Amino acid sequence: MKITIDVDCTPEEARSFLGLPDVAPLQQEMMAEIQRRLTAGLATMDPETLMKTWLPAGLQGMEQLQKMFWQQMNKAGGPGPKPREKK
């Protein structure tokens, strides 16, 4: 036997019927706090500061990677075994 019950209600009605708390005010407060913190954090991060912070480390990493590739290429392309002379 299978019984199906369809309930047509809003989320607020279902929450109150099941005795769950209404978290909408808390959610709005938390979202406002997150927005305030993000805005304050973005105000301190101007593009010039970001470039000074990120670029030197990125360039050094690229230079090291390039040096490593060149070292490996020099090792691979170095002098190999000498060909044997025909008698």
C-alpha atoms as a PDB file:
ATOM      1  CA  MET A   1       0.000   0.000   0.000  1.00  0.00           C
ATOM      2  CA  LYS A   2       1.299   3.412  -0.928  1.00  0.00           C
ATOM      3  CA  ILE A   3      -0.125   6.678   0.349  1.00  0.00           C
ATOM      4  CA  THR A   4       0.854  10.038  -1.074  1.00  0.00           C
ATOM      5  CA  ILE A   5       0.131  13.330   0.653  1.00  0.00           C
ATOM      6  CA  ASP A   6       0.738  16.642  -1.094  1.00  0.00           C
ATOM      7  CA  VAL A   7       1.168  19.668   1.144  1.00  0.00           C
ATOM      8  CA  ASP A   8       0.938  23.106  -0.403  1.00  0.00           C
ATOM      9  CA  CYS A   9       2.484  25.689   1.911  1.00  0.00           C
ATOM     10  CA  THR A  10       5.124  28.378   1.962  1.00  0.00           C
ATOM     11  CA  PRO A  11       8.530  27.802   3.579  1.00  0.00           C
ATOM     12  CA  GLU A  12       7.517  30.085   6.466  1.00  0.00           C
ATOM     13  CA  GLU A  13       4.361  28.041   7.090  1.00  0.00           C
ATOM     14  CA  ALA A  14       6.301  24.767   6.995  1.00  0.00           C
ATOM     15  CA  ARG A  15       8.930  26.162   9.372  1.00  0.00           C
ATOM     16  CA  SER A  16       6.351  27.298  11.903  1.00  0.00           C
ATOM     17  CA  PHE A  17       4.360  24.041  11.597  1.00  0.00           C
ATOM     18  CA  LEU A  18       7.498  21.950  12.276  1.00  0.00           C
ATOM     19  CA  GLY A  19       8.632  24.271  15.071  1.00  0.00           C
ATOM     20  CA  LEU A  20      11.837  25.337  13.343  1.00  0.00           C
ATOM     21  CA  PRO A  21      13.275  28.780  14.114  1.00  0.00           C
ATOM     22  CA  ASP A  22      13.059  31.616  11.614  1.00  0.00           C
ATOM     23  CA  VAL A  23      16.679  32.286  10.619  1.00  0.00           C
ATOM     24  CA  ALA A  24      15.981  35.006   8.047  1.00  0.00           C
ATOM     25  CA  PRO A  25      16.931  37.917  10.383  1.00  0.00           C
ATOM     26  CA  LEU A  26      20.170  36.143  11.369  1.00  0.00           C
ATOM     27  CA  GLN A  27      20.985  35.441   7.732  1.00  0.00           C
ATOM     28  CA  GLN A  28      20.411  39.084   6.775  1.00  0.00           C
ATOM     29  CA  GLU A  29      22.627  40.255   9.641  1.00  0.00           C
ATOM     30  CA  MET A  30      25.404  37.827   8.702  1.00  0.00           C
ATOM     31  CA  MET A  31      25.274  38.814   5.039  1.00  0.00           C
ATOM     32  CA  ALA A  32      25.492  42.496   6.004  1.00  0.00           C
ATOM     33  CA  GLU A  33      28.554  41.719   8.182  1.00  0.00           C
ATOM     34  CA  ILE A  34      30.223  39.733   5.382  1.00  0.00           C
ATOM     35  CA  GLN A  35      29.571  42.570   2.945  1.00  0.00           C
ATOM     36  CA  ARG A  36      31.002  45.112   5.406  1.00  0.00           C
ATOM     37  CA  ARG A  37      34.176  43.047   5.893  1.00  0.00           C
ATOM     38  CA  LEU A  38      34.664  42.465   2.173  1.00  0.00           C
ATOM     39  CA  THR A  39      34.200  46.146   1.439  1.00  0.00           C
ATOM     40  CA  ALA A  40      36.713  47.091   4.143  1.00  0.00           C
ATOM     41  CA  GLY A  41      39.200  44.529   2.814  1.00  0.00           C
ATOM     42  CA  LEU A  42      38.845  45.732  -0.770  1.00  0.00           C
ATOM     43  CA  ALA A  43      39.352  49.337   0.267  1.00  0.00           C
ATOM     44  CA  THR A  44      42.842  48.496   1.557  1.00  0.00           C
ATOM     45  CA  MET A  45      43.774  46.569  -1.595  1.00  0.00           C
ATOM     46  CA  ASP A  46      44.482  49.012  -4.372  1.00  0.00           C
ATOM     47  CA  PRO A  47      45.903  47.661  -7.676  1.00  0.00           C
ATOM     48  CA  GLU A  48      49.377  49.104  -7.061  1.00  0.00           C
ATOM     49  CA  THR A  49      49.710  47.297  -3.712  1.00  0.00           C
ATOM     50  CA  LEU A  50      48.504  44.051  -5.271  1.00  0.00           C
ATOM     51  CA  MET A  51      51.030  44.295  -8.094  1.00  0.00           C
ATOM     52  CA  LYS A  52      53.887  45.002  -5.672  1.00  0.00           C
ATOM     53  CA  THR A  53      52.804  42.043  -3.534  1.00  0.00           C
ATOM     54  CA  TRP A  54      52.241  39.478  -6.267  1.00  0.00           C
ATOM     55  CA  LEU A  55      54.594  40.401  -9.101  1.00  0.00           C
ATOM     56  CA  PRO A  56      58.060  39.963  -7.547  1.00  0.00           C
ATOM     57  CA  ALA A  57      57.321  36.436  -6.344  1.00  0.00           C
ATOM     58  CA  GLY A  58      55.818  35.544  -9.703  1.00  0.00           C
ATOM     59  CA  LEU A  59      58.790  36.870 -11.659  1.00  0.00           C
ATOM     60  CA  GLN A  60      61.301  35.101  -9.439  1.00  0.00           C
ATOM     61  CA  GLY A  61      59.391  31.867  -9.852  1.00  0.00           C
ATOM     62  CA  MET A  62      59.348  32.273 -13.635  1.00  0.00           C
ATOM     63  CA  GLU A  63      63.092  33.019 -13.710  1.00  0.00           C
ATOM     64  CA  GLN A  64      63.832  29.935 -11.617  1.00  0.00           C
ATOM     65  CA  LEU A  65      61.648  27.793 -13.882  1.00  0.00           C
ATOM     66  CA  GLN A  66      63.399  29.150 -16.965  1.00  0.00           C
ATOM     67  CA  LYS A  67      66.853  28.463 -15.448  1.00  0.00           C
ATOM     68  CA  MET A  68      65.806  24.915 -14.593  1.00  0.00           C
ATOM     69  CA  PHE A  69      64.607  24.278 -18.161  1.00  0.00           C
ATOM     70  CA  TRP A  70      67.832  25.667 -19.631  1.00  0.00           C
ATOM     71  CA  GLN A  71      69.935  23.497 -17.316  1.00  0.00           C
ATOM     72  CA  GLN A  72      68.015  20.391 -18.351  1.00  0.00           C
ATOM     73  CA  MET A  73      68.281  21.298 -22.032  1.00  0.00           C
ATOM     74  CA  ASN A  74      72.035  21.873 -21.740  1.00  0.00           C
ATOM     75  CA  LYS A  75      72.447  18.506 -20.033  1.00  0.00           C
ATOM     76  CA  ALA A  76      70.365  16.763 -22.701  1.00  0.00           C
ATOM     77  CA  GLY A  77      72.070  18.521 -25.608  1.00  0.00           C
ATOM     78  CA  GLY A  78      75.598  18.214 -24.232  1.00  0.00           C
ATOM     79  CA  PRO A  79      78.345  16.212 -25.856  1.00  0.00           C
ATOM     80  CA  GLY A  80      77.343  12.610 -26.287  1.00  0.00           C
ATOM     81  CA  PRO A  81      79.515   9.584 -26.931  1.00  0.00           C
ATOM     82  CA  LYS A  82      82.091  10.062 -29.669  1.00  0.00           C
ATOM     83  CA  PRO A  83      81.470   8.144 -32.896  1.00  0.00           C
ATOM     84  CA  ARG A  84      83.834   5.248 -33.537  1.00  0.00           C
ATOM     85  CA  GLU A  85      86.417   5.625 -36.264  1.00  0.00           C
ATOM     86  CA  LYS A  86      86.300   3.140 -39.097  1.00  0.00           C
ATOM     87  CA  LYS A  87      89.450   1.104 -39.702  1.00  0.00           C
END
